[in-house]
Amino acid sequence: MYATLVLSILALLSCLGIRYWINRRKFYRRSPLGAEGFSSYEKSVFILFLERTGKWISYILIIFGLLFLWSYSRENKDSKKMIQEEVSYKHV
């Protein structure tokens, strides 16, 4: 039961880490005028492709993190319901 909670937290934290790292690299690559500076065309294409792929991976991690969190809440609700039914059944 707690595995889904841990997985959701790990997915969401790793998503935030990836997004922070990509945006930080983008920020420090900009000139004072706001243009991004690359040493070559090939390097710009490769880096932009990796950053775009990283952002898609972070979106997928957000979805998985939210699904794991939803799954944990459903498991928690179901276990509380079963415990309540057991207690009420024993009192009858």
C-alpha atoms as a PDB file:
ATOM      1  CA  MET A   1       0.000   0.000   0.000  1.00  0.00           C
ATOM      2  CA  TYR A   2       2.771   2.431   0.855  1.00  0.00           C
ATOM      3  CA  ALA A   3       4.688   1.437  -2.265  1.00  0.00           C
ATOM      4  CA  THR A   4       2.252   3.373  -4.438  1.00  0.00           C
ATOM      5  CA  LEU A   5       2.648   6.441  -2.229  1.00  0.00           C
ATOM      6  CA  VAL A   6       6.441   6.205  -2.431  1.00  0.00           C
ATOM      7  CA  LEU A   7       6.302   5.710  -6.206  1.00  0.00           C
ATOM      8  CA  SER A   8       4.022   8.712  -6.631  1.00  0.00           C
ATOM      9  CA  ILE A   9       6.294  10.928  -4.546  1.00  0.00           C
ATOM     10  CA  LEU A  10       9.387   9.725  -6.419  1.00  0.00           C
ATOM     11  CA  ALA A  11       7.740  10.289  -9.808  1.00  0.00           C
ATOM     12  CA  LEU A  12       6.594  13.790  -8.908  1.00  0.00           C
ATOM     13  CA  LEU A  13       9.933  14.777  -7.364  1.00  0.00           C
ATOM     14  CA  SER A  14      11.915  13.445 -10.319  1.00  0.00           C
ATOM     15  CA  CYS A  15       9.571  15.317 -12.653  1.00  0.00           C
ATOM     16  CA  LEU A  16      10.218  18.544 -10.770  1.00  0.00           C
ATOM     17  CA  GLY A  17      13.959  17.883 -10.831  1.00  0.00           C
ATOM     18  CA  ILE A  18      14.012  17.305 -14.584  1.00  0.00           C
ATOM     19  CA  ARG A  19      11.948  20.428 -15.280  1.00  0.00           C
ATOM     20  CA  TYR A  20      14.131  22.534 -12.981  1.00  0.00           C
ATOM     21  CA  TRP A  21      17.348  21.261 -14.584  1.00  0.00           C
ATOM     22  CA  ILE A  22      16.114  21.914 -18.143  1.00  0.00           C
ATOM     23  CA  ASN A  23      14.793  25.388 -17.361  1.00  0.00           C
ATOM     24  CA  ARG A  24      17.952  26.312 -15.455  1.00  0.00           C
ATOM     25  CA  ARG A  25      20.148  25.274 -18.407  1.00  0.00           C
ATOM     26  CA  LYS A  26      17.929  27.315 -20.734  1.00  0.00           C
ATOM     27  CA  PHE A  27      18.175  30.354 -18.463  1.00  0.00           C
ATOM     28  CA  TYR A  28      21.970  30.324 -18.269  1.00  0.00           C
ATOM     29  CA  ARG A  29      22.277  29.781 -22.022  1.00  0.00           C
ATOM     30  CA  ARG A  30      20.539  33.068 -22.805  1.00  0.00           C
ATOM     31  CA  SER A  31      22.383  36.275 -23.650  1.00  0.00           C
ATOM     32  CA  PRO A  32      21.438  39.642 -22.112  1.00  0.00           C
ATOM     33  CA  LEU A  33      19.211  40.255 -25.130  1.00  0.00           C
ATOM     34  CA  GLY A  34      17.295  36.996 -24.556  1.00  0.00           C
ATOM     35  CA  ALA A  35      18.670  34.948 -27.436  1.00  0.00           C
ATOM     36  CA  GLU A  36      19.966  31.454 -26.773  1.00  0.00           C
ATOM     37  CA  GLY A  37      23.621  30.961 -27.654  1.00  0.00           C
ATOM     38  CA  PHE A  38      25.003  27.739 -29.131  1.00  0.00           C
ATOM     39  CA  SER A  39      28.473  27.066 -30.467  1.00  0.00           C
ATOM     40  CA  SER A  40      27.168  25.200 -33.546  1.00  0.00           C
ATOM     41  CA  TYR A  41      23.969  24.325 -35.351  1.00  0.00           C
ATOM     42  CA  GLU A  42      24.349  20.605 -34.648  1.00  0.00           C
ATOM     43  CA  LYS A  43      24.794  21.244 -30.951  1.00  0.00           C
ATOM     44  CA  SER A  44      21.667  23.405 -30.846  1.00  0.00           C
ATOM     45  CA  VAL A  45      19.562  20.773 -32.630  1.00  0.00           C
ATOM     46  CA  PHE A  46      20.832  17.985 -30.369  1.00  0.00           C
ATOM     47  CA  ILE A  47      20.401  19.949 -27.132  1.00  0.00           C
ATOM     48  CA  LEU A  48      16.937  21.187 -28.058  1.00  0.00           C
ATOM     49  CA  PHE A  49      15.912  17.621 -28.970  1.00  0.00           C
ATOM     50  CA  LEU A  50      17.166  16.319 -25.609  1.00  0.00           C
ATOM     51  CA  GLU A  51      15.380  19.095 -23.725  1.00  0.00           C
ATOM     52  CA  ARG A  52      12.137  18.467 -25.604  1.00  0.00           C
ATOM     53  CA  THR A  53      12.426  14.741 -24.876  1.00  0.00           C
ATOM     54  CA  GLY A  54      13.165  15.491 -21.216  1.00  0.00           C
ATOM     55  CA  LYS A  55      10.068  17.659 -20.948  1.00  0.00           C
ATOM     56  CA  TRP A  56       7.913  14.887 -22.438  1.00  0.00           C
ATOM     57  CA  ILE A  57       9.415  12.429 -19.970  1.00  0.00           C
ATOM     58  CA  SER A  58       8.565  14.816 -17.140  1.00  0.00           C
ATOM     59  CA  TYR A  59       4.957  15.079 -18.390  1.00  0.00           C
ATOM     60  CA  ILE A  60       4.735  11.283 -18.387  1.00  0.00           C
ATOM     61  CA  LEU A  61       6.164  11.207 -14.845  1.00  0.00           C
ATOM     62  CA  ILE A  62       3.523  13.723 -13.742  1.00  0.00           C
ATOM     63  CA  ILE A  63       0.780  11.485 -15.129  1.00  0.00           C
ATOM     64  CA  PHE A  64       2.255   8.371 -13.485  1.00  0.00           C
ATOM     65  CA  GLY A  65       2.750  10.228 -10.193  1.00  0.00           C
ATOM     66  CA  LEU A  66      -0.852  11.404 -10.156  1.00  0.00           C
ATOM     67  CA  LEU A  67      -2.120   7.937 -11.097  1.00  0.00           C
ATOM     68  CA  PHE A  68      -0.075   6.348  -8.299  1.00  0.00           C
ATOM     69  CA  LEU A  69      -1.372   8.973  -5.861  1.00  0.00           C
ATOM     70  CA  TRP A  70      -4.956   8.287  -6.963  1.00  0.00           C
ATOM     71  CA  SER A  71      -4.350   4.544  -6.619  1.00  0.00           C
ATOM     72  CA  TYR A  72      -2.989   5.046  -3.098  1.00  0.00           C
ATOM     73  CA  SER A  73      -6.024   7.082  -2.081  1.00  0.00           C
ATOM     74  CA  ARG A  74      -8.369   4.408  -3.452  1.00  0.00           C
ATOM     75  CA  GLU A  75      -6.463   1.639  -1.610  1.00  0.00           C
ATOM     76  CA  ASN A  76      -6.527   3.670   1.574  1.00  0.00           C
ATOM     77  CA  LYS A  77     -10.255   4.333   1.254  1.00  0.00           C
ATOM     78  CA  ASP A  78     -10.982   0.653   0.521  1.00  0.00           C
ATOM     79  CA  SER A  79      -8.922  -0.577   3.477  1.00  0.00           C
ATOM     80  CA  LYS A  80     -10.679   1.845   5.840  1.00  0.00           C
ATOM     81  CA  LYS A  81     -14.032   0.686   4.496  1.00  0.00           C
ATOM     82  CA  MET A  82     -13.117  -2.990   5.037  1.00  0.00           C
ATOM     83  CA  ILE A  83     -11.940  -2.304   8.601  1.00  0.00           C
ATOM     84  CA  GLN A  84     -15.170  -0.442   9.337  1.00  0.00           C
ATOM     85  CA  GLU A  85     -17.237  -3.317   7.901  1.00  0.00           C
ATOM     86  CA  GLU A  86     -15.289  -5.862   9.995  1.00  0.00           C
ATOM     87  CA  VAL A  87     -15.858  -3.867  13.168  1.00  0.00           C
ATOM     88  CA  SER A  88     -19.573  -3.440  12.487  1.00  0.00           C
ATOM     89  CA  TYR A  89     -19.877  -7.136  11.551  1.00  0.00           C
ATOM     90  CA  LYS A  90     -18.238  -8.226  14.806  1.00  0.00           C
ATOM     91  CA  HIS A  91     -20.651  -6.151  16.876  1.00  0.00           C
ATOM     92  CA  VAL A  92     -23.674  -7.858  15.341  1.00  0.00           C
END
